[in-house]
Amino acid sequence: MYPSRFNYESPKTIAEAIKLLDAGNGEAKILAGGQSLVPMLKLRFAFPEQLVDINNIPGLDYIRFDADGSLHIGALVRHEHLEKSLEIAKRQPTIAAAAPLVADPIVRTRGTFVGSVCHADPQGDWAATMIALHGYLVVQGPKGKRNIDMKDFVLGPYANALNYNEIAIEAVIPAPKGVARGGYLKLERRVGDFATASVAVSLDMSGDTVLGAGFALAGVGGKTIDANDAASALIGQKLTDATIAKAAALVAAKAEPRTDHRGSAEYKRHIIETFVKRILVANSTQKVA
């Protein structure tokens, strides 16, 4: 099957891209990595009248840590850039853990972090990671820039809070309150497959005390699931058998899995609880039986 006909534009500035989106009146789509959009075009699940290719806009491929530790990821940063970044490996363990698990090596060379977040796939890795890290997106439109917290960004499966004439220009992850720790685990039938269940965990630690935490789930609900309420079991506490078990149970209770060819709902919920325990144990200073 071939895509339906569309016009192609390749703006050289963000302002030009926004103007094209605005003129498109909801019938234009941004093309960044294209790893989700192009297959949808081919299958005619998406049929925009115009594609606005932002790959020729300079200055959108940055990974930058501010002096306070805040992380900024530009709209054209590829998955592999995060996977290979030594700074990410050293300073942002949740992203470092997720990056090698995104799709497959071919997709990681072209797909973009921000584009994946905007795609809002319920089984996607990066939206869950952003939610667990309490991140937000900086978006720009005809009226200027605004920030959208990740907890408000994902509206449903493949639905986000962007207006039709706005572009997500960067993702921002706030500075940790202490030492950034965390992890990401994903169950998939084979490399590159969609997640059967995955968990993103962020921790801010001072010694062995948890100052802050975040949890999010993918693959076990109709949209990416915010499980940050479970952080209440850990904040101000040490990672002990009891606190780990309580947090894992609270996170698993947030899952909304359905029985399908990948496994039963009960099995998927068990995987979530097990993954949370594994990540927290790996970040603790004592072993859990």
C-alpha atoms as a PDB file:
ATOM      1  CA  MET A   1       0.000   0.000   0.000  1.00  0.00           C
ATOM      2  CA  TYR A   2       1.197   3.513  -0.780  1.00  0.00           C
ATOM      3  CA  PRO A   3       0.551   6.741   1.155  1.00  0.00           C
ATOM      4  CA  SER A   4      -2.125   9.124  -0.013  1.00  0.00           C
ATOM      5  CA  ARG A   5      -0.822  12.237  -1.801  1.00  0.00           C
ATOM      6  CA  PHE A   6       0.622  15.027   0.320  1.00  0.00           C
ATOM      7  CA  ASN A   7       2.647  18.203  -0.048  1.00  0.00           C
ATOM      8  CA  TYR A   8       6.164  18.261   1.379  1.00  0.00           C
ATOM      9  CA  GLU A   9       7.811  21.272   2.989  1.00  0.00           C
ATOM     10  CA  SER A  10      11.260  21.574   4.554  1.00  0.00           C
ATOM     11  CA  PRO A  11      11.433  24.813   6.566  1.00  0.00           C
ATOM     12  CA  LYS A  12      14.736  26.251   7.744  1.00  0.00           C
ATOM     13  CA  THR A  13      13.455  27.877  10.951  1.00  0.00           C
ATOM     14  CA  ILE A  14      11.018  27.038  13.723  1.00  0.00           C
ATOM     15  CA  ALA A  15       9.009  30.154  12.882  1.00  0.00           C
ATOM     16  CA  GLU A  16       8.623  28.987   9.287  1.00  0.00           C
ATOM     17  CA  ALA A  17       7.546  25.518  10.432  1.00  0.00           C
ATOM     18  CA  ILE A  18       4.926  26.996  12.762  1.00  0.00           C
ATOM     19  CA  LYS A  19       3.594  29.162   9.948  1.00  0.00           C
ATOM     20  CA  LEU A  20       3.173  26.078   7.761  1.00  0.00           C
ATOM     21  CA  LEU A  21       1.388  24.183  10.546  1.00  0.00           C
ATOM     22  CA  ASP A  22      -0.893  27.132  11.201  1.00  0.00           C
ATOM     23  CA  ALA A  23      -1.792  27.426   7.521  1.00  0.00           C
ATOM     24  CA  GLY A  24      -2.443  23.675   7.422  1.00  0.00           C
ATOM     25  CA  ASN A  25      -5.347  24.098   9.866  1.00  0.00           C
ATOM     26  CA  GLY A  26      -4.848  20.672  11.394  1.00  0.00           C
ATOM     27  CA  GLU A  27      -4.057  18.841   8.149  1.00  0.00           C
ATOM     28  CA  ALA A  28      -0.250  19.075   8.448  1.00  0.00           C
ATOM     29  CA  LYS A  29       2.091  16.722  10.307  1.00  0.00           C
ATOM     30  CA  ILE A  30       5.617  17.215  11.632  1.00  0.00           C
ATOM     31  CA  LEU A  31       8.255  14.841  10.250  1.00  0.00           C
ATOM     32  CA  ALA A  32      11.278  14.377  12.528  1.00  0.00           C
ATOM     33  CA  GLY A  33      12.577  10.795  12.739  1.00  0.00           C
ATOM     34  CA  GLY A  34       9.573   9.382  10.903  1.00  0.00           C
ATOM     35  CA  GLN A  35       9.855   5.950  12.511  1.00  0.00           C
ATOM     36  CA  SER A  36       6.218   6.002  13.609  1.00  0.00           C
ATOM     37  CA  LEU A  37       4.721   8.430  11.095  1.00  0.00           C
ATOM     38  CA  VAL A  38       6.084   6.876   7.900  1.00  0.00           C
ATOM     39  CA  PRO A  39       4.653   3.383   8.578  1.00  0.00           C
ATOM     40  CA  MET A  40       1.315   4.999   9.453  1.00  0.00           C
ATOM     41  CA  LEU A  41       1.411   6.915   6.166  1.00  0.00           C
ATOM     42  CA  LYS A  42       2.179   3.756   4.229  1.00  0.00           C
ATOM     43  CA  LEU A  43      -0.752   1.921   5.801  1.00  0.00           C
ATOM     44  CA  ARG A  44      -2.979   5.014   5.444  1.00  0.00           C
ATOM     45  CA  PHE A  45      -3.623   5.166   9.159  1.00  0.00           C
ATOM     46  CA  ALA A  46      -2.482   8.782   8.785  1.00  0.00           C
ATOM     47  CA  PHE A  47      -3.217  10.855   5.695  1.00  0.00           C
ATOM     48  CA  PRO A  48      -2.092  14.471   6.187  1.00  0.00           C
ATOM     49  CA  GLU A  49      -2.328  16.927   3.359  1.00  0.00           C
ATOM     50  CA  GLN A  50       1.148  18.215   4.164  1.00  0.00           C
ATOM     51  CA  LEU A  51       4.363  17.022   5.813  1.00  0.00           C
ATOM     52  CA  VAL A  52       6.541  19.606   7.527  1.00  0.00           C
ATOM     53  CA  ASP A  53      10.071  18.163   7.727  1.00  0.00           C
ATOM     54  CA  ILE A  54      12.008  19.839  10.550  1.00  0.00           C
ATOM     55  CA  ASN A  55      15.293  18.004   9.938  1.00  0.00           C
ATOM     56  CA  ASN A  56      16.854  21.003   8.199  1.00  0.00           C
ATOM     57  CA  ILE A  57      16.210  23.370  11.107  1.00  0.00           C
ATOM     58  CA  PRO A  58      19.580  23.885  12.821  1.00  0.00           C
ATOM     59  CA  GLY A  59      20.162  23.762  16.557  1.00  0.00           C
ATOM     60  CA  LEU A  60      17.582  21.159  17.592  1.00  0.00           C
ATOM     61  CA  ASP A  61      19.916  18.203  18.189  1.00  0.00           C
ATOM     62  CA  TYR A  62      21.337  19.170  21.576  1.00  0.00           C
ATOM     63  CA  ILE A  63      21.672  17.301  24.856  1.00  0.00           C
ATOM     64  CA  ARG A  64      22.444  19.869  27.545  1.00  0.00           C
ATOM     65  CA  PHE A  65      22.770  19.789  31.309  1.00  0.00           C
ATOM     66  CA  ASP A  66      22.333  23.140  33.049  1.00  0.00           C
ATOM     67  CA  ALA A  67      24.513  24.107  35.991  1.00  0.00           C
ATOM     68  CA  ASP A  68      21.745  23.023  38.391  1.00  0.00           C
ATOM     69  CA  GLY A  69      21.505  19.581  36.772  1.00  0.00           C
ATOM     70  CA  SER A  70      18.376  20.124  34.647  1.00  0.00           C
ATOM     71  CA  LEU A  71      18.498  18.164  31.386  1.00  0.00           C
ATOM     72  CA  HIS A  72      17.368  19.607  28.037  1.00  0.00           C
ATOM     73  CA  ILE A  73      16.832  17.323  25.023  1.00  0.00           C
ATOM     74  CA  GLY A  74      16.257  18.999  21.654  1.00  0.00           C
ATOM     75  CA  ALA A  75      13.582  17.943  19.189  1.00  0.00           C
ATOM     76  CA  LEU A  76      16.063  16.279  16.810  1.00  0.00           C
ATOM     77  CA  VAL A  77      18.022  14.225  19.332  1.00  0.00           C
ATOM     78  CA  ARG A  78      17.969  10.613  18.117  1.00  0.00           C
ATOM     79  CA  HIS A  79      17.545   7.626  20.394  1.00  0.00           C
ATOM     80  CA  GLU A  80      21.105   6.516  19.672  1.00  0.00           C
ATOM     81  CA  HIS A  81      22.471   9.906  20.768  1.00  0.00           C
ATOM     82  CA  LEU A  82      21.058   9.245  24.235  1.00  0.00           C
ATOM     83  CA  GLU A  83      22.201   5.632  24.169  1.00  0.00           C
ATOM     84  CA  LYS A  84      25.802   6.633  23.411  1.00  0.00           C
ATOM     85  CA  SER A  85      26.014   9.777  25.545  1.00  0.00           C
ATOM     86  CA  LEU A  86      28.573   9.463  28.340  1.00  0.00           C
ATOM     87  CA  GLU A  87      26.961  12.358  30.208  1.00  0.00           C
ATOM     88  CA  ILE A  88      23.578  10.633  30.149  1.00  0.00           C
ATOM     89  CA  ALA A  89      25.178   7.399  31.355  1.00  0.00           C
ATOM     90  CA  LYS A  90      26.814   9.243  34.241  1.00  0.00           C
ATOM     91  CA  ARG A  91      24.056  11.636  35.261  1.00  0.00           C
ATOM     92  CA  GLN A  92      20.671  10.263  34.180  1.00  0.00           C
ATOM     93  CA  PRO A  93      20.411   6.504  34.877  1.00  0.00           C
ATOM     94  CA  THR A  94      16.715   6.132  34.031  1.00  0.00           C
ATOM     95  CA  ILE A  95      17.220   7.428  30.496  1.00  0.00           C
ATOM     96  CA  ALA A  96      20.474   5.480  30.174  1.00  0.00           C
ATOM     97  CA  ALA A  97      18.648   2.262  31.088  1.00  0.00           C
ATOM     98  CA  ALA A  98      15.776   2.872  28.652  1.00  0.00           C
ATOM     99  CA  ALA A  99      17.762   4.023  25.612  1.00  0.00           C
ATOM    100  CA  PRO A 100      19.147   0.605  24.525  1.00  0.00           C
ATOM    101  CA  LEU A 101      15.675  -0.948  24.844  1.00  0.00           C
ATOM    102  CA  VAL A 102      13.928   1.407  22.409  1.00  0.00           C
ATOM    103  CA  ALA A 103      12.840  -0.526  19.287  1.00  0.00           C
ATOM    104  CA  ASP A 104      15.945  -1.829  17.447  1.00  0.00           C
ATOM    105  CA  PRO A 105      19.323  -0.365  16.384  1.00  0.00           C
ATOM    106  CA  ILE A 106      18.040   0.727  12.970  1.00  0.00           C
ATOM    107  CA  VAL A 107      15.102   2.635  14.435  1.00  0.00           C
ATOM    108  CA  ARG A 108      17.340   4.175  17.111  1.00  0.00           C
ATOM    109  CA  THR A 109      19.559   5.776  14.461  1.00  0.00           C
ATOM    110  CA  ARG A 110      16.645   7.830  13.062  1.00  0.00           C
ATOM    111  CA  GLY A 111      13.868   8.010  15.628  1.00  0.00           C
ATOM    112  CA  THR A 112      13.792  11.018  17.961  1.00  0.00           C
ATOM    113  CA  PHE A 113      13.193  11.229  21.688  1.00  0.00           C
ATOM    114  CA  VAL A 114      10.745  14.137  21.498  1.00  0.00           C
ATOM    115  CA  GLY A 115       8.937  12.652  18.508  1.00  0.00           C
ATOM    116  CA  SER A 116       8.431   9.401  20.383  1.00  0.00           C
ATOM    117  CA  VAL A 117       7.040  11.256  23.396  1.00  0.00           C
ATOM    118  CA  CYS A 118       4.634  13.169  21.148  1.00  0.00           C
ATOM    119  CA  HIS A 119       3.499   9.950  19.440  1.00  0.00           C
ATOM    120  CA  ALA A 120       2.015   8.917  22.821  1.00  0.00           C
ATOM    121  CA  ASP A 121       2.080   5.204  22.047  1.00  0.00           C
ATOM    122  CA  PRO A 122       0.711   3.342  25.110  1.00  0.00           C
ATOM    123  CA  GLN A 123       3.588   0.881  24.688  1.00  0.00           C
ATOM    124  CA  GLY A 124       6.237   3.535  24.083  1.00  0.00           C
ATOM    125  CA  ASP A 125       9.306   3.830  26.276  1.00  0.00           C
ATOM    126  CA  TRP A 126      10.020   7.543  26.380  1.00  0.00           C
ATOM    127  CA  ALA A 127       6.656   8.881  27.514  1.00  0.00           C
ATOM    128  CA  ALA A 128       6.836   6.579  30.547  1.00  0.00           C
ATOM    129  CA  THR A 129      10.394   7.678  31.236  1.00  0.00           C
ATOM    130  CA  MET A 130       9.434  11.347  31.059  1.00  0.00           C
ATOM    131  CA  ILE A 131       6.501  10.862  33.431  1.00  0.00           C
ATOM    132  CA  ALA A 132       8.653   9.021  35.975  1.00  0.00           C
ATOM    133  CA  LEU A 133      11.225  11.822  35.788  1.00  0.00           C
ATOM    134  CA  HIS A 134       8.550  14.511  36.268  1.00  0.00           C
ATOM    135  CA  GLY A 135       9.566  16.077  32.968  1.00  0.00           C
ATOM    136  CA  TYR A 136       7.845  18.587  30.746  1.00  0.00           C
ATOM    137  CA  LEU A 137       7.819  19.622  27.101  1.00  0.00           C
ATOM    138  CA  VAL A 138       8.542  23.094  25.789  1.00  0.00           C
ATOM    139  CA  VAL A 139       6.241  23.750  22.842  1.00  0.00           C
ATOM    140  CA  GLN A 140       6.110  26.701  20.498  1.00  0.00           C
ATOM    141  CA  GLY A 141       3.280  28.048  18.387  1.00  0.00           C
ATOM    142  CA  PRO A 142       2.025  31.308  16.875  1.00  0.00           C
ATOM    143  CA  LYS A 143       1.472  32.762  20.365  1.00  0.00           C
ATOM    144  CA  GLY A 144       4.941  31.874  21.630  1.00  0.00           C
ATOM    145  CA  LYS A 145       6.241  29.184  23.969  1.00  0.00           C
ATOM    146  CA  ARG A 146       4.570  27.288  26.793  1.00  0.00           C
ATOM    147  CA  ASN A 147       5.466  24.340  29.014  1.00  0.00           C
ATOM    148  CA  ILE A 148       3.305  21.229  29.300  1.00  0.00           C
ATOM    149  CA  ASP A 149       3.918  18.842  32.199  1.00  0.00           C
ATOM    150  CA  MET A 150       4.100  15.224  31.093  1.00  0.00           C
ATOM    151  CA  LYS A 151       1.305  14.333  33.510  1.00  0.00           C
ATOM    152  CA  ASP A 152      -0.944  16.564  31.389  1.00  0.00           C
ATOM    153  CA  PHE A 153       0.589  15.853  27.979  1.00  0.00           C
ATOM    154  CA  VAL A 154      -0.524  12.298  27.202  1.00  0.00           C
ATOM    155  CA  LEU A 155      -4.298  12.472  26.753  1.00  0.00           C
ATOM    156  CA  GLY A 156      -4.894   8.948  25.496  1.00  0.00           C
ATOM    157  CA  PRO A 157      -3.588   6.408  22.989  1.00  0.00           C
ATOM    158  CA  TYR A 158      -1.696   8.349  20.309  1.00  0.00           C
ATOM    159  CA  ALA A 159      -3.211  11.614  21.596  1.00  0.00           C
ATOM    160  CA  ASN A 160      -1.318  14.524  23.134  1.00  0.00           C
ATOM    161  CA  ALA A 161      -1.979  18.066  24.322  1.00  0.00           C
ATOM    162  CA  LEU A 162      -0.304  19.854  21.400  1.00  0.00           C
ATOM    163  CA  ASN A 163      -2.383  22.262  19.382  1.00  0.00           C
ATOM    164  CA  TYR A 164      -2.298  21.638  15.631  1.00  0.00           C
ATOM    165  CA  ASN A 165      -0.069  24.684  15.089  1.00  0.00           C
ATOM    166  CA  GLU A 166       2.487  23.928  17.825  1.00  0.00           C
ATOM    167  CA  ILE A 167       5.836  22.131  17.757  1.00  0.00           C
ATOM    168  CA  ALA A 168       7.472  20.408  20.724  1.00  0.00           C
ATOM    169  CA  ILE A 169      10.946  21.924  20.564  1.00  0.00           C
ATOM    170  CA  GLU A 170      12.535  20.294  23.592  1.00  0.00           C
ATOM    171  CA  ALA A 171      12.018  17.979  26.542  1.00  0.00           C
ATOM    172  CA  VAL A 172      13.167  19.111  29.979  1.00  0.00           C
ATOM    173  CA  ILE A 173      13.886  16.954  33.006  1.00  0.00           C
ATOM    174  CA  PRO A 174      14.192  18.953  36.243  1.00  0.00           C
ATOM    175  CA  ALA A 175      17.332  18.733  38.323  1.00  0.00           C
ATOM    176  CA  PRO A 176      17.336  15.962  40.928  1.00  0.00           C
ATOM    177  CA  LYS A 177      17.040  16.955  44.574  1.00  0.00           C
ATOM    178  CA  GLY A 178      19.981  14.712  45.419  1.00  0.00           C
ATOM    179  CA  VAL A 179      21.823  12.009  43.496  1.00  0.00           C
ATOM    180  CA  ALA A 180      19.880  10.788  40.459  1.00  0.00           C
ATOM    181  CA  ARG A 181      19.283   7.048  40.416  1.00  0.00           C
ATOM    182  CA  GLY A 182      16.673   4.773  38.890  1.00  0.00           C
ATOM    183  CA  GLY A 183      16.157   2.319  36.064  1.00  0.00           C
ATOM    184  CA  TYR A 184      13.975   0.961  33.301  1.00  0.00           C
ATOM    185  CA  LEU A 185      12.893  -2.614  32.609  1.00  0.00           C
ATOM    186  CA  LYS A 186      10.868  -3.919  29.687  1.00  0.00           C
ATOM    187  CA  LEU A 187       9.387  -7.286  28.807  1.00  0.00           C
ATOM    188  CA  GLU A 188       9.176  -7.939  25.076  1.00  0.00           C
ATOM    189  CA  ARG A 189       8.808 -11.128  23.087  1.00  0.00           C
ATOM    190  CA  ARG A 190      11.773 -10.265  20.865  1.00  0.00           C
ATOM    191  CA  VAL A 191      14.087  -7.318  20.238  1.00  0.00           C
ATOM    192  CA  GLY A 192      12.196  -4.445  18.696  1.00  0.00           C
ATOM    193  CA  ASP A 193       8.774  -5.765  19.662  1.00  0.00           C
ATOM    194  CA  PHE A 194       6.199  -3.680  21.475  1.00  0.00           C
ATOM    195  CA  ALA A 195       6.335  -3.862  25.255  1.00  0.00           C
ATOM    196  CA  THR A 196       4.275  -6.505  26.995  1.00  0.00           C
ATOM    197  CA  ALA A 197       4.962  -4.497  30.133  1.00  0.00           C
ATOM    198  CA  SER A 198       7.559  -1.911  31.083  1.00  0.00           C
ATOM    199  CA  VAL A 199       8.403   0.203  34.112  1.00  0.00           C
ATOM    200  CA  ALA A 200      10.321   3.466  34.466  1.00  0.00           C
ATOM    201  CA  VAL A 201      11.609   4.403  37.922  1.00  0.00           C
ATOM    202  CA  SER A 202      13.398   7.546  39.049  1.00  0.00           C
ATOM    203  CA  LEU A 203      14.959   8.132  42.446  1.00  0.00           C
ATOM    204  CA  ASP A 204      16.551  11.166  44.073  1.00  0.00           C
ATOM    205  CA  MET A 205      18.803   9.964  46.869  1.00  0.00           C
ATOM    206  CA  SER A 206      20.688  11.533  49.738  1.00  0.00           C
ATOM    207  CA  GLY A 207      22.873   8.764  51.081  1.00  0.00           C
ATOM    208  CA  ASP A 208      20.456   5.880  51.560  1.00  0.00           C
ATOM    209  CA  THR A 209      17.388   8.113  52.043  1.00  0.00           C
ATOM    210  CA  VAL A 210      14.891   8.711  49.242  1.00  0.00           C
ATOM    211  CA  LEU A 211      14.244  12.413  48.659  1.00  0.00           C
ATOM    212  CA  GLY A 212      12.021  11.944  45.621  1.00  0.00           C
ATOM    213  CA  ALA A 213      10.768   9.198  43.339  1.00  0.00           C
ATOM    214  CA  GLY A 214       8.739   8.628  40.201  1.00  0.00           C
ATOM    215  CA  PHE A 215       7.059   5.676  38.516  1.00  0.00           C
ATOM    216  CA  ALA A 216       5.361   5.187  35.152  1.00  0.00           C
ATOM    217  CA  LEU A 217       4.138   2.189  33.161  1.00  0.00           C
ATOM    218  CA  ALA A 218       3.816   1.289  29.491  1.00  0.00           C
ATOM    219  CA  GLY A 219       2.085  -1.603  27.776  1.00  0.00           C
ATOM    220  CA  VAL A 220      -0.399  -2.215  30.580  1.00  0.00           C
ATOM    221  CA  GLY A 221      -3.170   0.246  29.821  1.00  0.00           C
ATOM    222  CA  GLY A 222      -4.914   2.321  27.204  1.00  0.00           C
ATOM    223  CA  LYS A 223      -2.295   5.040  27.617  1.00  0.00           C
ATOM    224  CA  THR A 224       0.996   5.569  29.407  1.00  0.00           C
ATOM    225  CA  ILE A 225       0.217   5.260  33.117  1.00  0.00           C
ATOM    226  CA  ASP A 226       1.341   7.789  35.702  1.00  0.00           C
ATOM    227  CA  ALA A 227       2.071   5.859  38.905  1.00  0.00           C
ATOM    228  CA  ASN A 228       3.859   8.670  40.713  1.00  0.00           C
ATOM    229  CA  ASP A 229       1.444   8.439  43.651  1.00  0.00           C
ATOM    230  CA  ALA A 230       3.403   5.381  44.744  1.00  0.00           C
ATOM    231  CA  ALA A 231       6.354   7.627  45.585  1.00  0.00           C
ATOM    232  CA  SER A 232       4.652   8.354  48.917  1.00  0.00           C
ATOM    233  CA  ALA A 233       5.790   4.931  50.115  1.00  0.00           C
ATOM    234  CA  LEU A 234       9.437   5.873  49.646  1.00  0.00           C
ATOM    235  CA  ILE A 235       9.947   9.596  50.241  1.00  0.00           C
ATOM    236  CA  GLY A 236      11.826  10.183  53.455  1.00  0.00           C
ATOM    237  CA  GLN A 237      12.445   6.455  53.812  1.00  0.00           C
ATOM    238  CA  LYS A 238      15.284   4.043  53.152  1.00  0.00           C
ATOM    239  CA  LEU A 239      14.995   1.310  50.537  1.00  0.00           C
ATOM    240  CA  THR A 240      14.198  -1.614  52.815  1.00  0.00           C
ATOM    241  CA  ASP A 241      12.327  -4.857  52.227  1.00  0.00           C
ATOM    242  CA  ALA A 242       9.146  -3.264  53.559  1.00  0.00           C
ATOM    243  CA  THR A 243       9.290   0.049  51.669  1.00  0.00           C
ATOM    244  CA  ILE A 244      10.246  -1.665  48.411  1.00  0.00           C
ATOM    245  CA  ALA A 245       7.410  -4.173  48.714  1.00  0.00           C
ATOM    246  CA  LYS A 246       4.897  -1.425  49.526  1.00  0.00           C
ATOM    247  CA  ALA A 247       5.962   0.775  46.617  1.00  0.00           C
ATOM    248  CA  ALA A 248       5.953  -2.161  44.183  1.00  0.00           C
ATOM    249  CA  ALA A 249       2.427  -3.146  45.234  1.00  0.00           C
ATOM    250  CA  LEU A 250       1.177   0.432  44.843  1.00  0.00           C
ATOM    251  CA  VAL A 251       2.689   0.730  41.360  1.00  0.00           C
ATOM    252  CA  ALA A 252       1.272  -2.632  40.258  1.00  0.00           C
ATOM    253  CA  ALA A 253      -2.168  -1.554  41.457  1.00  0.00           C
ATOM    254  CA  LYS A 254      -2.033   1.326  38.962  1.00  0.00           C
ATOM    255  CA  ALA A 255      -1.656  -1.047  36.006  1.00  0.00           C
ATOM    256  CA  GLU A 256      -4.695  -1.628  33.794  1.00  0.00           C
ATOM    257  CA  PRO A 257      -3.610  -4.716  31.830  1.00  0.00           C
ATOM    258  CA  ARG A 258      -5.800  -6.782  29.535  1.00  0.00           C
ATOM    259  CA  THR A 259      -5.476 -10.468  28.779  1.00  0.00           C
ATOM    260  CA  ASP A 260      -4.274 -11.015  25.201  1.00  0.00           C
ATOM    261  CA  HIS A 261      -1.844 -13.101  23.162  1.00  0.00           C
ATOM    262  CA  ARG A 262       1.069 -11.614  25.145  1.00  0.00           C
ATOM    263  CA  GLY A 263      -0.197 -12.898  28.485  1.00  0.00           C
ATOM    264  CA  SER A 264      -2.919 -12.705  31.080  1.00  0.00           C
ATOM    265  CA  ALA A 265      -3.755  -9.523  32.958  1.00  0.00           C
ATOM    266  CA  GLU A 266      -2.614 -11.185  36.188  1.00  0.00           C
ATOM    267  CA  TYR A 267       0.733 -12.121  34.625  1.00  0.00           C
ATOM    268  CA  LYS A 268       1.356  -8.572  33.380  1.00  0.00           C
ATOM    269  CA  ARG A 269       0.537  -7.062  36.758  1.00  0.00           C
ATOM    270  CA  HIS A 270       2.954  -9.527  38.383  1.00  0.00           C
ATOM    271  CA  ILE A 271       5.655  -8.476  35.916  1.00  0.00           C
ATOM    272  CA  ILE A 272       5.139  -4.821  36.848  1.00  0.00           C
ATOM    273  CA  GLU A 273       5.477  -5.560  40.557  1.00  0.00           C
ATOM    274  CA  THR A 274       8.558  -7.710  39.966  1.00  0.00           C
ATOM    275  CA  PHE A 275      10.240  -5.089  37.774  1.00  0.00           C
ATOM    276  CA  VAL A 276       9.692  -2.341  40.349  1.00  0.00           C
ATOM    277  CA  LYS A 277      11.228  -4.519  43.045  1.00  0.00           C
ATOM    278  CA  ARG A 278      14.228  -5.343  40.853  1.00  0.00           C
ATOM    279  CA  ILE A 279      14.942  -1.713  40.064  1.00  0.00           C
ATOM    280  CA  LEU A 280      14.582  -0.588  43.666  1.00  0.00           C
ATOM    281  CA  VAL A 281      16.699  -3.452  44.991  1.00  0.00           C
ATOM    282  CA  ALA A 282      19.405  -2.631  42.450  1.00  0.00           C
ATOM    283  CA  ASN A 283      19.430   0.936  43.790  1.00  0.00           C
ATOM    284  CA  SER A 284      19.378   0.008  47.464  1.00  0.00           C
ATOM    285  CA  THR A 285      22.290  -0.466  49.798  1.00  0.00           C
ATOM    286  CA  GLN A 286      20.932  -3.725  51.169  1.00  0.00           C
ATOM    287  CA  LYS A 287      19.654  -6.907  49.624  1.00  0.00           C
ATOM    288  CA  VAL A 288      16.015  -7.897  49.668  1.00  0.00           C
ATOM    289  CA  ALA A 289      15.240 -11.547  50.260  1.00  0.00           C
END
